C-alpha cells in the first residue's frame, strides 16, 4: 500500500512537470516576445489551467466509474474556448460508464489527447466554424472521433504530420495500447483515437 502511494505521488509529480510545467514555460516564453498576439497568450493560459484541472479530475475517486461525467466536465471547459473562436461544438456520446475501465493515468492521457486535438482545431483549422466530437464504446474498445470543417491549404498536410502535438498524441495513445489516425477531408481534418478496454 505504501509503495502504491509512493508510485501515485511520483506519477502526479511527473504529470505536473511534463504537462503543466512545460505549458507554463511556453506561456512565459510568449510573454517575453514583443508584440505577441493577445489571443495566443490567452489560449496558452487557458491550456495551463485546463491541464491542472485534468490532472486533478483524473485522480478524483468520484470518476472511477463515471467516465461520462469526466468527459462532461472537460466539455464544459473547452466549449467556451471554442465559442470564443466562433467554432460550434457538436457532441455525441454513447458509452456505458461501467464498461470504460481506464486507470487514472489512462484517463489523463486520453483527456490530454482530446485537449490537444481541440487546440489544433482552434490554432490550425482555417475558417473552421464547427467541430464534431463523437465518442462510442463497444465491447472491447472506446472510439473517439474529432472532425472540423476548416479549409486545408496544400502545405497544411506536411505541417500537420510533422507537428509536435501529433507526435505527443501518438505517444500517449501508444502508452494505452491504443491507436491514433488522422486524415484530411474535403472540409477539415478527421482524427480518430481508439483505446482498448
Protein backbone atom coordinates (compact mmCIF):
# COMPACT_ATOMS: atom_id res chain seq x y z
CA UNK A 1 0.00 0.00 0.00
CA UNK A 2 2.86 2.35 0.89
CA UNK A 3 4.60 1.58 -2.41
CA UNK A 4 1.39 2.19 -4.34
CA UNK A 5 1.02 5.57 -2.64
CA UNK A 6 4.61 6.48 -3.48
CA UNK A 7 4.10 5.42 -7.10
CA UNK A 8 0.96 7.55 -7.33
CA UNK A 9 2.79 10.57 -5.90
CA UNK A 10 5.63 10.09 -8.38
CA UNK A 11 3.15 9.82 -11.24
CA UNK A 12 1.42 13.02 -10.08
CA UNK A 13 4.72 14.90 -9.85
CA UNK A 14 5.68 13.70 -13.31
CA UNK A 15 2.35 14.84 -14.74
CA UNK A 16 2.74 18.27 -13.13
CA UNK A 17 6.27 18.61 -14.51
CA UNK A 18 5.70 17.24 -18.02
CA UNK A 19 2.26 18.73 -18.55
CA UNK A 20 1.66 21.89 -16.56
CA UNK A 21 5.36 22.74 -16.23
CA UNK A 22 6.01 22.71 -19.96
CA UNK A 23 2.82 24.70 -20.60
CA UNK A 24 3.96 27.40 -18.16
CA UNK A 25 7.40 27.57 -19.80
CA UNK A 26 5.69 28.15 -23.16
CA UNK A 27 3.48 30.85 -21.62
CA UNK A 28 6.46 32.66 -20.08
CA UNK A 29 8.27 32.49 -23.44
CA UNK A 30 5.25 34.03 -25.19
CA UNK A 31 5.13 36.85 -22.64
CA UNK A 32 8.80 37.68 -23.32
CA UNK A 33 8.28 38.06 -27.06
CA UNK A 34 7.43 41.65 -28.06
CA UNK A 35 4.09 42.16 -29.79
CA UNK A 36 2.86 38.65 -29.01
CA UNK A 37 -0.73 38.14 -30.06
CA UNK A 38 -3.03 38.56 -27.04
CA UNK A 39 -5.19 35.67 -28.22
CA UNK A 40 -2.18 33.30 -28.21
CA UNK A 41 -1.35 34.28 -24.62
CA UNK A 42 -4.94 33.82 -23.51
CA UNK A 43 -5.18 30.42 -25.20
CA UNK A 44 -1.94 29.22 -23.59
CA UNK A 45 -3.04 30.44 -20.14
CA UNK A 46 -6.34 28.60 -20.58
CA UNK A 47 -4.43 25.44 -21.56
CA UNK A 48 -2.37 25.70 -18.35
CA UNK A 49 -5.49 25.98 -16.22
CA UNK A 50 -7.26 23.16 -18.05
CA UNK A 51 -4.20 20.91 -17.74
CA UNK A 52 -4.17 21.40 -13.96
CA UNK A 53 -7.87 20.57 -13.82
CA UNK A 54 -7.34 17.46 -15.95
CA UNK A 55 -4.67 16.20 -13.55
CA UNK A 56 -6.92 16.76 -10.54
CA UNK A 57 -10.03 15.32 -12.18
CA UNK A 58 -8.29 12.19 -13.41
CA UNK A 59 -7.36 11.32 -9.82
CA UNK A 60 -10.70 12.11 -8.24
CA UNK A 61 -12.24 8.83 -6.91
CA UNK A 62 -15.67 10.16 -7.86
CA UNK A 63 -14.90 9.49 -11.53
CA UNK A 64 -13.64 5.92 -11.17
CA UNK A 65 -16.84 4.54 -12.72
CA UNK A 66 -18.18 7.75 -14.30
CA UNK A 67 -16.27 8.38 -17.49
CA UNK A 68 -19.21 10.31 -18.94
CA UNK A 69 -19.02 12.80 -16.04
CA UNK A 70 -15.29 13.27 -16.59
CA UNK A 71 -15.86 13.93 -20.30
CA UNK A 72 -18.76 16.22 -19.45
CA UNK A 73 -16.54 18.34 -17.24
CA UNK A 74 -13.96 18.54 -20.00
CA UNK A 75 -16.67 19.62 -22.43
CA UNK A 76 -17.79 22.38 -20.06
CA UNK A 77 -14.25 23.79 -20.15
CA UNK A 78 -13.50 23.58 -23.86
CA UNK A 79 -16.87 24.70 -25.21
CA UNK A 80 -16.47 28.36 -24.10
CA UNK A 81 -12.95 28.39 -25.62
CA UNK A 82 -14.38 27.15 -28.93
CA UNK A 83 -17.21 29.68 -28.75
CA UNK A 84 -14.67 32.48 -28.25
CA UNK A 85 -13.07 31.31 -31.53
CA UNK A 86 -16.53 31.27 -33.20
CA UNK A 87 -16.49 27.48 -33.50
CA UNK A 88 -19.60 25.46 -32.70
CA UNK A 89 -19.23 22.14 -30.86
CA UNK A 90 -21.41 19.22 -31.96
CA UNK A 91 -21.36 16.50 -29.29
CA UNK A 92 -22.38 12.85 -29.48
CA UNK A 93 -21.57 10.31 -26.77
CA UNK A 94 -22.75 6.74 -26.33
CA UNK A 95 -20.92 4.63 -23.75
CA UNK A 96 -21.57 2.71 -20.55
CA UNK A 97 -19.58 4.08 -17.62
CA UNK A 98 -19.24 0.62 -16.10
CA UNK A 99 -17.57 -0.66 -19.28
CA UNK A 100 -14.95 2.12 -19.52
CA UNK A 101 -12.36 0.71 -17.13
CA UNK A 102 -9.40 3.05 -17.53
CA UNK A 103 -6.72 3.81 -14.95
CA UNK A 104 -6.40 7.40 -13.67
CA UNK A 105 -3.25 7.78 -15.79
CA UNK A 106 -5.00 6.50 -18.92
CA UNK A 107 -7.89 8.89 -18.31
CA UNK A 108 -5.43 11.75 -18.03
CA UNK A 109 -3.58 10.69 -21.20
CA UNK A 110 -6.86 10.42 -23.09
CA UNK A 111 -8.08 13.82 -21.92
CA UNK A 112 -4.76 15.37 -22.89
CA UNK A 113 -5.11 13.85 -26.36
CA UNK A 114 -8.56 15.39 -26.69
CA UNK A 115 -7.29 18.71 -25.36
CA UNK A 116 -4.53 18.75 -27.99
CA UNK A 117 -6.98 17.90 -30.78
CA UNK A 118 -9.25 20.80 -29.83
CA UNK A 119 -6.26 23.16 -29.52
CA UNK A 120 -5.16 22.11 -33.02
CA UNK A 121 -8.61 22.96 -34.38
CA UNK A 122 -8.52 26.43 -32.81
CA UNK A 123 -4.96 27.17 -33.95
CA UNK A 124 -4.74 25.47 -37.36
CA UNK A 125 -8.20 24.79 -38.81
CA UNK A 126 -8.53 27.78 -41.13
CA UNK A 127 -12.04 29.29 -41.28
CA UNK A 128 -13.46 26.43 -39.19
CA UNK A 129 -16.95 27.10 -37.83
CA UNK A 130 -17.74 23.66 -36.44
CA UNK A 131 -16.05 20.74 -34.69
CA UNK A 132 -17.74 17.38 -34.30
CA UNK A 133 -16.97 15.23 -31.22
CA UNK A 134 -18.14 11.62 -31.42
CA UNK A 135 -17.47 9.05 -28.66
CA UNK A 136 -18.78 5.48 -28.70
CA UNK A 137 -17.92 2.35 -26.77
CA UNK A 138 -18.34 -1.24 -27.87
CA UNK A 139 -17.46 -4.48 -26.10
CA UNK A 140 -13.73 -4.14 -26.46
CA UNK A 141 -12.79 -0.54 -27.26
CA UNK A 142 -13.51 3.14 -26.93
CA UNK A 143 -13.63 5.06 -30.22
CA UNK A 144 -13.40 8.86 -30.34
CA UNK A 145 -13.55 10.97 -33.49
CA UNK A 146 -12.90 14.70 -33.75
CA UNK A 147 -13.64 16.36 -37.09
CA UNK A 148 -13.56 20.04 -38.07
CA UNK A 149 -14.85 21.80 -41.17
CA UNK A 150 -11.88 24.10 -41.77
CA UNK A 151 -10.05 24.59 -45.04
CA UNK A 152 -6.94 22.56 -45.92
CA UNK A 153 -4.23 24.57 -47.69
CA UNK A 154 -1.89 22.36 -49.73
CA UNK A 155 1.04 22.77 -47.33
CA UNK A 156 -1.04 22.08 -44.20
CA UNK A 157 -0.78 18.30 -44.65
CA UNK A 158 3.01 18.34 -44.18
CA UNK A 159 2.80 20.81 -41.30
CA UNK A 160 0.13 18.72 -39.61
CA UNK A 161 2.03 15.43 -39.89
CA UNK A 162 5.29 16.95 -38.62
CA UNK A 163 3.78 18.79 -35.65
CA UNK A 164 4.98 18.15 -32.09
CA UNK A 165 1.39 17.96 -30.89
CA UNK A 166 0.59 14.99 -33.12
CA UNK A 167 3.74 13.19 -32.02
CA UNK A 168 2.68 13.67 -28.41
CA UNK A 169 -0.81 12.34 -29.19
CA UNK A 170 0.60 9.25 -30.90
CA UNK A 171 2.90 8.56 -27.94
CA UNK A 172 0.07 8.87 -25.43
CA UNK A 173 -2.18 6.59 -27.49
CA UNK A 174 0.64 4.04 -27.68
CA UNK A 175 1.01 4.13 -23.87
CA UNK A 176 -2.62 2.99 -23.63
CA UNK A 177 -2.10 0.32 -26.31
CA UNK A 178 -4.38 2.43 -28.45
CA UNK A 179 -4.22 3.86 -31.95
CA UNK A 180 -4.39 7.36 -33.38
CA UNK A 181 -5.03 8.28 -37.01
CA UNK A 182 -5.78 11.47 -38.92
CA UNK A 183 -6.57 12.37 -42.49
CA UNK A 184 -7.61 15.47 -44.44
CA UNK A 185 -11.15 15.55 -45.77
CA UNK A 186 -12.81 17.80 -48.34
CA UNK A 187 -13.56 20.05 -45.40
CA UNK A 188 -11.20 19.90 -42.42
CA UNK A 189 -9.46 17.03 -40.68
CA UNK A 190 -10.85 13.77 -39.37
CA UNK A 191 -8.98 12.40 -36.35
CA UNK A 192 -9.67 9.09 -34.63
CA UNK A 193 -8.49 7.68 -31.30
CA UNK A 194 -9.12 4.03 -30.44
CA UNK A 195 -8.42 2.73 -26.93
CA UNK A 196 -8.85 -0.93 -25.85
CA UNK A 197 -10.97 -1.54 -22.74
